[in-house]
Amino acid sequence: MRKREHFIGLWLDDIEYRHLLKQCVLSGLNASTLIRHSIMDVNIQPKPPDTYAALLRELSAIGNNVNQIAYWANATKGSGKAEIAEAVALVQRAWRLVKETL
C-alpha cells in the first residue's frame, strides 16, 4: 500500500514551471518532494556546493593532526617549537581553506 493516498494534479504555465525546475536544481530535491516540503513549511535550504564535502574532509584531517600534536604535547609534558609551528600552520591552512571556499 502506498504511503501517500492522495494525488493532486497541478497545471503550471511556462514561467511557473521553469521556476519550479530552478528551485529543484537549487535545492537538490525532486518536484514532488519540493512541493511537499513547501506545503509543510519545511525550511528548504539550497544544496551545498560539492566543494563543501572536500573542505569537510580536509578540515577533519587537519583537526586530527592538531589533536595528535596536542596529545603528544600533553603526554610528554611539553612541546617543541617545531610542533607548535606545525599546529599553527595547520590552523592557518584550515582558516585559508574556509575563507577560499566561502
PDB file of N, CA and C in Angstrom:
ATOM      1  N   MET A   1       0.837  -1.177   0.000  1.00  0.00           N
ATOM      2  CA  MET A   1       0.000   0.000   0.000  1.00  0.00           C
ATOM      3  C   MET A   1       0.884   1.243   0.000  1.00  0.00           C
ATOM      4  N   ARG A   2       0.436   2.242  -0.705  1.00  0.00           N
ATOM      5  CA  ARG A   2       1.187   3.492  -0.788  1.00  0.00           C
ATOM      6  C   ARG A   2       1.198   4.210   0.554  1.00  0.00           C
ATOM      7  N   LYS A   3       2.271   4.904   0.780  1.00  0.00           N
ATOM      8  CA  LYS A   3       2.383   5.698   1.999  1.00  0.00           C
ATOM      9  C   LYS A   3       1.488   6.939   1.909  1.00  0.00           C
ATOM     10  N   ARG A   4       1.378   7.475   0.703  1.00  0.00           N
ATOM     11  CA  ARG A   4       0.527   8.646   0.472  1.00  0.00           C
ATOM     12  C   ARG A   4      -0.661   8.205  -0.367  1.00  0.00           C
ATOM     13  N   GLU A   5      -1.840   8.520   0.091  1.00  0.00           N
ATOM     14  CA  GLU A   5      -3.046   8.002  -0.543  1.00  0.00           C
ATOM     15  C   GLU A   5      -3.737   8.999  -1.461  1.00  0.00           C
ATOM     16  N   HIS A   6      -3.301  10.243  -1.495  1.00  0.00           N
ATOM     17  CA  HIS A   6      -3.993  11.270  -2.270  1.00  0.00           C
ATOM     18  C   HIS A   6      -3.073  11.836  -3.342  1.00  0.00           C
ATOM     19  N   PHE A   7      -3.636  12.017  -4.530  1.00  0.00           N
ATOM     20  CA  PHE A   7      -2.889  12.580  -5.655  1.00  0.00           C
ATOM     21  C   PHE A   7      -3.528  13.899  -6.049  1.00  0.00           C
ATOM     22  N   ILE A   8      -2.694  14.894  -6.300  1.00  0.00           N
ATOM     23  CA  ILE A   8      -3.179  16.196  -6.759  1.00  0.00           C
ATOM     24  C   ILE A   8      -2.451  16.527  -8.057  1.00  0.00           C
ATOM     25  N   GLY A   9      -3.194  16.689  -9.132  1.00  0.00           N
ATOM     26  CA  GLY A   9      -2.617  17.148 -10.395  1.00  0.00           C
ATOM     27  C   GLY A   9      -2.456  18.653 -10.336  1.00  0.00           C
ATOM     28  N   LEU A  10      -1.493  19.177 -11.044  1.00  0.00           N
ATOM     29  CA  LEU A  10      -1.211  20.608 -10.942  1.00  0.00           C
ATOM     30  C   LEU A  10      -0.844  21.146 -12.318  1.00  0.00           C
ATOM     31  N   TRP A  11      -1.544  22.176 -12.748  1.00  0.00           N
ATOM     32  CA  TRP A  11      -1.237  22.831 -14.013  1.00  0.00           C
ATOM     33  C   TRP A  11      -0.410  24.081 -13.742  1.00  0.00           C
ATOM     34  N   LEU A  12       0.694  24.223 -14.503  1.00  0.00           N
ATOM     35  CA  LEU A  12       1.566  25.390 -14.363  1.00  0.00           C
ATOM     36  C   LEU A  12       1.781  26.026 -15.727  1.00  0.00           C
ATOM     37  N   ASP A  13       1.958  27.345 -15.749  1.00  0.00           N
ATOM     38  CA  ASP A  13       2.350  27.970 -17.016  1.00  0.00           C
ATOM     39  C   ASP A  13       3.869  27.843 -17.156  1.00  0.00           C
ATOM     40  N   ASP A  14       4.406  28.316 -18.269  1.00  0.00           N
ATOM     41  CA  ASP A  14       5.836  28.142 -18.541  1.00  0.00           C
ATOM     42  C   ASP A  14       6.719  28.804 -17.486  1.00  0.00           C
ATOM     43  N   ILE A  15       6.340  29.992 -17.064  1.00  0.00           N
ATOM     44  CA  ILE A  15       7.150  30.710 -16.065  1.00  0.00           C
ATOM     45  C   ILE A  15       7.148  29.960 -14.738  1.00  0.00           C
ATOM     46  N   GLU A  16       5.993  29.517 -14.299  1.00  0.00           N
ATOM     47  CA  GLU A  16       5.896  28.773 -13.038  1.00  0.00           C
ATOM     48  C   GLU A  16       6.675  27.466 -13.116  1.00  0.00           C
ATOM     49  N   TYR A  17       6.567  26.795 -14.266  1.00  0.00           N
ATOM     50  CA  TYR A  17       7.255  25.516 -14.433  1.00  0.00           C
ATOM     51  C   TYR A  17       8.774  25.705 -14.408  1.00  0.00           C
ATOM     52  N   ARG A  18       9.266  26.717 -15.121  1.00  0.00           N
ATOM     53  CA  ARG A  18      10.714  26.980 -15.111  1.00  0.00           C
ATOM     54  C   ARG A  18      11.192  27.340 -13.708  1.00  0.00           C
ATOM     55  N   HIS A  19      10.382  28.108 -12.980  1.00  0.00           N
ATOM     56  CA  HIS A  19      10.741  28.464 -11.602  1.00  0.00           C
ATOM     57  C   HIS A  19      10.789  27.215 -10.717  1.00  0.00           C
ATOM     58  N   LEU A  20       9.819  26.326 -10.887  1.00  0.00           N
ATOM     59  CA  LEU A  20       9.812  25.075 -10.121  1.00  0.00           C
ATOM     60  C   LEU A  20      11.063  24.253 -10.421  1.00  0.00           C
ATOM     61  N   LEU A  21      11.409  24.130 -11.705  1.00  0.00           N
ATOM     62  CA  LEU A  21      12.609  23.368 -12.071  1.00  0.00           C
ATOM     63  C   LEU A  21      13.873  24.009 -11.507  1.00  0.00           C
ATOM     64  N   LYS A  22      13.932  25.337 -11.527  1.00  0.00           N
ATOM     65  CA  LYS A  22      15.091  26.046 -10.969  1.00  0.00           C
ATOM     66  C   LYS A  22      15.213  25.768  -9.473  1.00  0.00           C
ATOM     67  N   GLN A  23      14.087  25.811  -8.760  1.00  0.00           N
ATOM     68  CA  GLN A  23      14.101  25.536  -7.324  1.00  0.00           C
ATOM     69  C   GLN A  23      14.522  24.093  -7.045  1.00  0.00           C
ATOM     70  N   CYS A  24      14.113  23.177  -7.916  1.00  0.00           N
ATOM     71  CA  CYS A  24      14.515  21.775  -7.759  1.00  0.00           C
ATOM     72  C   CYS A  24      16.027  21.628  -7.891  1.00  0.00           C
ATOM     73  N   VAL A  25      16.595  22.301  -8.881  1.00  0.00           N
ATOM     74  CA  VAL A  25      18.045  22.232  -9.081  1.00  0.00           C
ATOM     75  C   VAL A  25      18.776  22.851  -7.895  1.00  0.00           C
ATOM     76  N   LEU A  26      18.318  24.017  -7.450  1.00  0.00           N
ATOM     77  CA  LEU A  26      18.986  24.703  -6.337  1.00  0.00           C
ATOM     78  C   LEU A  26      18.927  23.904  -5.040  1.00  0.00           C
ATOM     79  N   SER A  27      17.796  23.250  -4.790  1.00  0.00           N
ATOM     80  CA  SER A  27      17.629  22.527  -3.528  1.00  0.00           C
ATOM     81  C   SER A  27      18.133  21.094  -3.595  1.00  0.00           C
ATOM     82  N   GLY A  28      18.266  20.551  -4.807  1.00  0.00           N
ATOM     83  CA  GLY A  28      18.660  19.155  -4.939  1.00  0.00           C
ATOM     84  C   GLY A  28      17.511  18.195  -4.696  1.00  0.00           C
ATOM     85  N   LEU A  29      16.282  18.702  -4.685  1.00  0.00           N
ATOM     86  CA  LEU A  29      15.099  17.872  -4.450  1.00  0.00           C
ATOM     87  C   LEU A  29      14.340  17.693  -5.758  1.00  0.00           C
ATOM     88  N   ASN A  30      13.536  16.610  -5.833  1.00  0.00           N
ATOM     89  CA  ASN A  30      12.664  16.482  -6.995  1.00  0.00           C
ATOM     90  C   ASN A  30      11.419  17.330  -6.766  1.00  0.00           C
ATOM     91  N   ALA A  31      10.614  17.515  -7.815  1.00  0.00           N
ATOM     92  CA  ALA A  31       9.464  18.422  -7.740  1.00  0.00           C
ATOM     93  C   ALA A  31       8.470  17.987  -6.671  1.00  0.00           C
ATOM     94  N   SER A  32       8.197  16.704  -6.594  1.00  0.00           N
ATOM     95  CA  SER A  32       7.225  16.205  -5.625  1.00  0.00           C
ATOM     96  C   SER A  32       7.670  16.498  -4.192  1.00  0.00           C
ATOM     97  N   THR A  33       8.915  16.213  -3.893  1.00  0.00           N
ATOM     98  CA  THR A  33       9.446  16.452  -2.546  1.00  0.00           C
ATOM     99  C   THR A  33       9.491  17.946  -2.238  1.00  0.00           C
ATOM    100  N   LEU A  34       9.886  18.745  -3.214  1.00  0.00           N
ATOM    101  CA  LEU A  34       9.943  20.192  -3.017  1.00  0.00           C
ATOM    102  C   LEU A  34       8.562  20.756  -2.694  1.00  0.00           C
ATOM    103  N   ILE A  35       7.547  20.318  -3.424  1.00  0.00           N
ATOM    104  CA  ILE A  35       6.187  20.807  -3.178  1.00  0.00           C
ATOM    105  C   ILE A  35       5.691  20.345  -1.814  1.00  0.00           C
ATOM    106  N   ARG A  36       5.949  19.084  -1.451  1.00  0.00           N
ATOM    107  CA  ARG A  36       5.533  18.592  -0.126  1.00  0.00           C
ATOM    108  C   ARG A  36       6.216  19.382   0.981  1.00  0.00           C
ATOM    109  N   HIS A  37       7.505  19.644   0.836  1.00  0.00           N
ATOM    110  CA  HIS A  37       8.223  20.430   1.848  1.00  0.00           C
ATOM    111  C   HIS A  37       7.640  21.838   1.950  1.00  0.00           C
ATOM    112  N   SER A  38       7.310  22.434   0.814  1.00  0.00           N
ATOM    113  CA  SER A  38       6.729  23.782   0.821  1.00  0.00           C
ATOM    114  C   SER A  38       5.386  23.797   1.535  1.00  0.00           C
ATOM    115  N   ILE A  39       4.563  22.791   1.284  1.00  0.00           N
ATOM    116  CA  ILE A  39       3.244  22.711   1.919  1.00  0.00           C
ATOM    117  C   ILE A  39       3.376  22.578   3.432  1.00  0.00           C
ATOM    118  N   MET A  40       4.363  21.825   3.882  1.00  0.00           N
ATOM    119  CA  MET A  40       4.533  21.553   5.313  1.00  0.00           C
ATOM    120  C   MET A  40       5.408  22.604   6.006  1.00  0.00           C
ATOM    121  N   ASP A  41       5.721  23.695   5.315  1.00  0.00           N
ATOM    122  CA  ASP A  41       6.539  24.785   5.868  1.00  0.00           C
ATOM    123  C   ASP A  41       7.921  24.327   6.321  1.00  0.00           C
ATOM    124  N   VAL A  42       8.481  23.351   5.619  1.00  0.00           N
ATOM    125  CA  VAL A  42       9.845  22.915   5.899  1.00  0.00           C
ATOM    126  C   VAL A  42      10.788  23.947   5.293  1.00  0.00           C
ATOM    127  N   ASN A  43      11.797  24.343   6.043  1.00  0.00           N
ATOM    128  CA  ASN A  43      12.772  25.309   5.550  1.00  0.00           C
ATOM    129  C   ASN A  43      13.634  24.629   4.493  1.00  0.00           C
ATOM    130  N   ILE A  44      13.500  25.046   3.257  1.00  0.00           N
ATOM    131  CA  ILE A  44      14.224  24.427   2.144  1.00  0.00           C
ATOM    132  C   ILE A  44      15.527  25.182   1.943  1.00  0.00           C
ATOM    133  N   GLN A  45      16.625  24.494   2.174  1.00  0.00           N
ATOM    134  CA  GLN A  45      17.951  25.087   2.049  1.00  0.00           C
ATOM    135  C   GLN A  45      18.523  24.767   0.671  1.00  0.00           C
ATOM    136  N   PRO A  46      19.320  25.672   0.122  1.00  0.00           N
ATOM    137  CA  PRO A  46      19.989  25.344  -1.136  1.00  0.00           C
ATOM    138  C   PRO A  46      20.965  24.190  -0.931  1.00  0.00           C
ATOM    139  N   LYS A  47      21.115  23.397  -1.950  1.00  0.00           N
ATOM    140  CA  LYS A  47      22.054  22.282  -1.894  1.00  0.00           C
ATOM    141  C   LYS A  47      23.466  22.849  -1.755  1.00  0.00           C
ATOM    142  N   PRO A  48      24.247  22.349  -0.799  1.00  0.00           N
ATOM    143  CA  PRO A  48      25.605  22.887  -0.642  1.00  0.00           C
ATOM    144  C   PRO A  48      26.477  22.518  -1.842  1.00  0.00           C
ATOM    145  N   PRO A  49      27.432  23.375  -2.172  1.00  0.00           N
ATOM    146  CA  PRO A  49      28.328  23.067  -3.291  1.00  0.00           C
ATOM    147  C   PRO A  49      29.120  21.791  -3.025  1.00  0.00           C
ATOM    148  N   ASP A  50      29.546  21.153  -4.102  1.00  0.00           N
ATOM    149  CA  ASP A  50      30.314  19.913  -3.981  1.00  0.00           C
ATOM    150  C   ASP A  50      31.640  20.134  -3.268  1.00  0.00           C
ATOM    151  N   THR A  51      32.145  21.357  -3.286  1.00  0.00           N
ATOM    152  CA  THR A  51      33.429  21.631  -2.637  1.00  0.00           C
ATOM    153  C   THR A  51      33.334  21.523  -1.119  1.00  0.00           C
ATOM    154  N   TYR A  52      32.113  21.603  -0.568  1.00  0.00           N
ATOM    155  CA  TYR A  52      31.958  21.513   0.882  1.00  0.00           C
ATOM    156  C   TYR A  52      32.392  20.153   1.419  1.00  0.00           C
ATOM    157  N   ALA A  53      32.094  19.090   0.695  1.00  0.00           N
ATOM    158  CA  ALA A  53      32.477  17.753   1.154  1.00  0.00           C
ATOM    159  C   ALA A  53      33.997  17.637   1.226  1.00  0.00           C
ATOM    160  N   ALA A  54      34.680  18.138   0.201  1.00  0.00           N
ATOM    161  CA  ALA A  54      36.144  18.103   0.204  1.00  0.00           C
ATOM    162  C   ALA A  54      36.698  18.967   1.330  1.00  0.00           C
ATOM    163  N   LEU A  55      36.080  20.124   1.558  1.00  0.00           N
ATOM    164  CA  LEU A  55      36.524  21.007   2.640  1.00  0.00           C
ATOM    165  C   LEU A  55      36.348  20.327   3.994  1.00  0.00           C
ATOM    166  N   LEU A  56      35.227  19.661   4.203  1.00  0.00           N
ATOM    167  CA  LEU A  56      34.999  18.976   5.478  1.00  0.00           C
ATOM    168  C   LEU A  56      36.015  17.861   5.703  1.00  0.00           C
ATOM    169  N   ARG A  57      36.341  17.112   4.652  1.00  0.00           N
ATOM    170  CA  ARG A  57      37.362  16.059   4.786  1.00  0.00           C
ATOM    171  C   ARG A  57      38.712  16.664   5.158  1.00  0.00           C
ATOM    172  N   GLU A  58      39.064  17.762   4.486  1.00  0.00           N
ATOM    173  CA  GLU A  58      40.347  18.419   4.756  1.00  0.00           C
ATOM    174  C   GLU A  58      40.392  18.975   6.175  1.00  0.00           C
ATOM    175  N   LEU A  59      39.306  19.621   6.603  1.00  0.00           N
ATOM    176  CA  LEU A  59      39.259  20.154   7.969  1.00  0.00           C
ATOM    177  C   LEU A  59      39.324  19.037   9.000  1.00  0.00           C
ATOM    178  N   SER A  60      38.693  17.917   8.710  1.00  0.00           N
ATOM    179  CA  SER A  60      38.748  16.777   9.626  1.00  0.00           C
ATOM    180  C   SER A  60      40.175  16.263   9.761  1.00  0.00           C
ATOM    181  N   ALA A  61      40.874  16.158   8.639  1.00  0.00           N
ATOM    182  CA  ALA A  61      42.263  15.692   8.677  1.00  0.00           C
ATOM    183  C   ALA A  61      43.143  16.674   9.451  1.00  0.00           C
ATOM    184  N   ILE A  62      42.939  17.961   9.226  1.00  0.00           N
ATOM    185  CA  ILE A  62      43.720  18.973   9.945  1.00  0.00           C
ATOM    186  C   ILE A  62      43.417  18.908  11.435  1.00  0.00           C
ATOM    187  N   GLY A  63      42.140  18.776  11.786  1.00  0.00           N
ATOM    188  CA  GLY A  63      41.767  18.657  13.198  1.00  0.00           C
ATOM    189  C   GLY A  63      42.399  17.444  13.852  1.00  0.00           C
ATOM    190  N   ASN A  64      42.425  16.320  13.134  1.00  0.00           N
ATOM    191  CA  ASN A  64      43.061  15.118  13.674  1.00  0.00           C
ATOM    192  C   ASN A  64      44.545  15.349  13.917  1.00  0.00           C
ATOM    193  N   ASN A  65      45.212  16.017  12.982  1.00  0.00           N
ATOM    194  CA  ASN A  65      46.642  16.297  13.152  1.00  0.00           C
ATOM    195  C   ASN A  65      46.892  17.200  14.356  1.00  0.00           C
ATOM    196  N   VAL A  66      46.078  18.230  14.511  1.00  0.00           N
ATOM    197  CA  VAL A  66      46.237  19.133  15.659  1.00  0.00           C
ATOM    198  C   VAL A  66      45.986  18.375  16.962  1.00  0.00           C
ATOM    199  N   ASN A  67      44.982  17.499  16.976  1.00  0.00           N
ATOM    200  CA  ASN A  67      44.709  16.701  18.178  1.00  0.00           C
ATOM    201  C   ASN A  67      45.871  15.775  18.516  1.00  0.00           C
ATOM    202  N   GLN A  68      46.489  15.186  17.507  1.00  0.00           N
ATOM    203  CA  GLN A  68      47.644  14.319  17.757  1.00  0.00           C
ATOM    204  C   GLN A  68      48.807  15.114  18.343  1.00  0.00           C
ATOM    205  N   ILE A  69      49.014  16.313  17.829  1.00  0.00           N
ATOM    206  CA  ILE A  69      50.080  17.164  18.371  1.00  0.00           C
ATOM    207  C   ILE A  69      49.766  17.540  19.817  1.00  0.00           C
ATOM    208  N   ALA A  70      48.524  17.891  20.105  1.00  0.00           N
ATOM    209  CA  ALA A  70      48.135  18.247  21.478  1.00  0.00           C
ATOM    210  C   ALA A  70      48.280  17.048  22.406  1.00  0.00           C
ATOM    211  N   TYR A  71      47.885  15.864  21.948  1.00  0.00           N
ATOM    212  CA  TYR A  71      48.020  14.654  22.767  1.00  0.00           C
ATOM    213  C   TYR A  71      49.492  14.396  23.070  1.00  0.00           C
ATOM    214  N   TRP A  72      50.337  14.502  22.056  1.00  0.00           N
ATOM    215  CA  TRP A  72      51.762  14.263  22.249  1.00  0.00           C
ATOM    216  C   TRP A  72      52.342  15.296  23.217  1.00  0.00           C
ATOM    217  N   ALA A  73      51.930  16.559  23.075  1.00  0.00           N
ATOM    218  CA  ALA A  73      52.446  17.607  23.961  1.00  0.00           C
ATOM    219  C   ALA A  73      52.020  17.350  25.401  1.00  0.00           C
ATOM    220  N   ASN A  74      50.792  16.903  25.611  1.00  0.00           N
ATOM    221  CA  ASN A  74      50.319  16.617  26.966  1.00  0.00           C
ATOM    222  C   ASN A  74      50.982  15.370  27.538  1.00  0.00           C
ATOM    223  N   ALA A  75      51.226  14.377  26.703  1.00  0.00           N
ATOM    224  CA  ALA A  75      51.827  13.127  27.174  1.00  0.00           C
ATOM    225  C   ALA A  75      53.281  13.333  27.578  1.00  0.00           C
ATOM    226  N   THR A  76      53.983  14.192  26.864  1.00  0.00           N
ATOM    227  CA  THR A  76      55.401  14.410  27.168  1.00  0.00           C
ATOM    228  C   THR A  76      55.615  15.635  28.047  1.00  0.00           C
ATOM    229  N   LYS A  77      54.517  16.278  28.449  1.00  0.00           N
ATOM    230  CA  LYS A  77      54.559  17.472  29.305  1.00  0.00           C
ATOM    231  C   LYS A  77      55.362  18.595  28.672  1.00  0.00           C
ATOM    232  N   GLY A  78      55.290  18.691  27.391  1.00  0.00           N
ATOM    233  CA  GLY A  78      55.965  19.787  26.718  1.00  0.00           C
ATOM    234  C   GLY A  78      55.870  19.620  25.217  1.00  0.00           C
ATOM    235  N   SER A  79      56.200  20.673  24.538  1.00  0.00           N
ATOM    236  CA  SER A  79      56.221  20.601  23.082  1.00  0.00           C
ATOM    237  C   SER A  79      57.308  21.531  22.581  1.00  0.00           C
ATOM    238  N   GLY A  80      57.892  21.129  21.493  1.00  0.00           N
ATOM    239  CA  GLY A  80      58.954  21.929  20.919  1.00  0.00           C
ATOM    240  C   GLY A  80      58.409  22.996  19.994  1.00  0.00           C
ATOM    241  N   LYS A  81      59.299  23.876  19.591  1.00  0.00           N
ATOM    242  CA  LYS A  81      58.889  24.949  18.693  1.00  0.00           C
ATOM    243  C   LYS A  81      58.403  24.392  17.361  1.00  0.00           C
ATOM    244  N   ALA A  82      58.982  23.293  16.921  1.00  0.00           N
ATOM    245  CA  ALA A  82      58.582  22.708  15.635  1.00  0.00           C
ATOM    246  C   ALA A  82      57.133  22.227  15.679  1.00  0.00           C
ATOM    247  N   GLU A  83      56.743  21.580  16.782  1.00  0.00           N
ATOM    248  CA  GLU A  83      55.368  21.080  16.903  1.00  0.00           C
ATOM    249  C   GLU A  83      54.370  22.236  16.977  1.00  0.00           C
ATOM    250  N   ILE A  84      54.738  23.282  17.717  1.00  0.00           N
ATOM    251  CA  ILE A  84      53.853  24.443  17.822  1.00  0.00           C
ATOM    252  C   ILE A  84      53.720  25.122  16.461  1.00  0.00           C
ATOM    253  N   ALA A  85      54.833  25.246  15.756  1.00  0.00           N
ATOM    254  CA  ALA A  85      54.800  25.865  14.426  1.00  0.00           C
ATOM    255  C   ALA A  85      53.946  25.034  13.475  1.00  0.00           C
ATOM    256  N   GLU A  86      54.039  23.711  13.585  1.00  0.00           N
ATOM    257  CA  GLU A  86      53.231  22.839  12.729  1.00  0.00           C
ATOM    258  C   GLU A  86      51.743  23.003  13.033  1.00  0.00           C
ATOM    259  N   ALA A  87      51.402  23.065  14.308  1.00  0.00           N
ATOM    260  CA  ALA A  87      49.997  23.242  14.693  1.00  0.00           C
ATOM    261  C   ALA A  87      49.467  24.587  14.201  1.00  0.00           C
ATOM    262  N   VAL A  88      50.274  25.632  14.338  1.00  0.00           N
ATOM    263  CA  VAL A  88      49.863  26.958  13.865  1.00  0.00           C
ATOM    264  C   VAL A  88      49.674  26.936  12.351  1.00  0.00           C
ATOM    265  N   ALA A  89      50.587  26.288  11.646  1.00  0.00           N
ATOM    266  CA  ALA A  89      50.476  26.208  10.185  1.00  0.00           C
ATOM    267  C   ALA A  89      49.215  25.455   9.770  1.00  0.00           C
ATOM    268  N   LEU A  90      48.883  24.384  10.494  1.00  0.00           N
ATOM    269  CA  LEU A  90      47.673  23.626  10.175  1.00  0.00           C
ATOM    270  C   LEU A  90      46.413  24.459  10.395  1.00  0.00           C
ATOM    271  N   VAL A  91      46.379  25.196  11.484  1.00  0.00           N
ATOM    272  CA  VAL A  91      45.211  26.038  11.763  1.00  0.00           C
ATOM    273  C   VAL A  91      45.104  27.152  10.719  1.00  0.00           C
ATOM    274  N   GLN A  92      46.227  27.749  10.340  1.00  0.00           N
ATOM    275  CA  GLN A  92      46.204  28.791   9.313  1.00  0.00           C
ATOM    276  C   GLN A  92      45.738  28.225   7.975  1.00  0.00           C
ATOM    277  N   ARG A  93      46.164  27.021   7.665  1.00  0.00           N
ATOM    278  CA  ARG A  93      45.738  26.365   6.425  1.00  0.00           C
ATOM    279  C   ARG A  93      44.237  26.117   6.443  1.00  0.00           C
ATOM    280  N   ALA A  94      43.738  25.665   7.585  1.00  0.00           N
ATOM    281  CA  ALA A  94      42.298  25.429   7.709  1.00  0.00           C
ATOM    282  C   ALA A  94      41.532  26.731   7.518  1.00  0.00           C
ATOM    283  N   TRP A  95      41.988  27.801   8.127  1.00  0.00           N
ATOM    284  CA  TRP A  95      41.319  29.092   8.011  1.00  0.00           C
ATOM    285  C   TRP A  95      41.321  29.573   6.558  1.00  0.00           C
ATOM    286  N   ARG A  96      42.459  29.400   5.885  1.00  0.00           N
ATOM    287  CA  ARG A  96      42.560  29.808   4.484  1.00  0.00           C
ATOM    288  C   ARG A  96      41.599  28.999   3.608  1.00  0.00           C
ATOM    289  N   LEU A  97      41.496  27.696   3.854  1.00  0.00           N
ATOM    290  CA  LEU A  97      40.572  26.853   3.088  1.00  0.00           C
ATOM    291  C   LEU A  97      39.126  27.296   3.277  1.00  0.00           C
ATOM    292  N   VAL A  98      38.775  27.610   4.504  1.00  0.00           N
ATOM    293  CA  VAL A  98      37.402  28.046   4.780  1.00  0.00           C
ATOM    294  C   VAL A  98      37.123  29.369   4.072  1.00  0.00           C
ATOM    295  N   LYS A  99      38.042  30.311   4.159  1.00  0.00           N
ATOM    296  CA  LYS A  99      37.840  31.613   3.526  1.00  0.00           C
ATOM    297  C   LYS A  99      37.742  31.487   2.011  1.00  0.00           C
ATOM    298  N   GLU A 100      38.561  30.620   1.407  1.00  0.00           N
ATOM    299  CA  GLU A 100      38.528  30.445  -0.045  1.00  0.00           C
ATOM    300  C   GLU A 100      37.233  29.785  -0.498  1.00  0.00           C
ATOM    301  N   THR A 101      36.727  28.867   0.301  1.00  0.00           N
ATOM    302  CA  THR A 101      35.525  28.135  -0.081  1.00  0.00           C
ATOM    303  C   THR A 101      34.276  28.971   0.104  1.00  0.00           C
ATOM    304  N   LEU A 102      34.230  29.730   1.183  1.00  0.00           N
ATOM    305  CA  LEU A 102      33.039  30.535   1.439  1.00  0.00           C
ATOM    306  C   LEU A 102      33.201  31.854   0.759  1.00  0.00           C
TER     307      LEU A 102
END
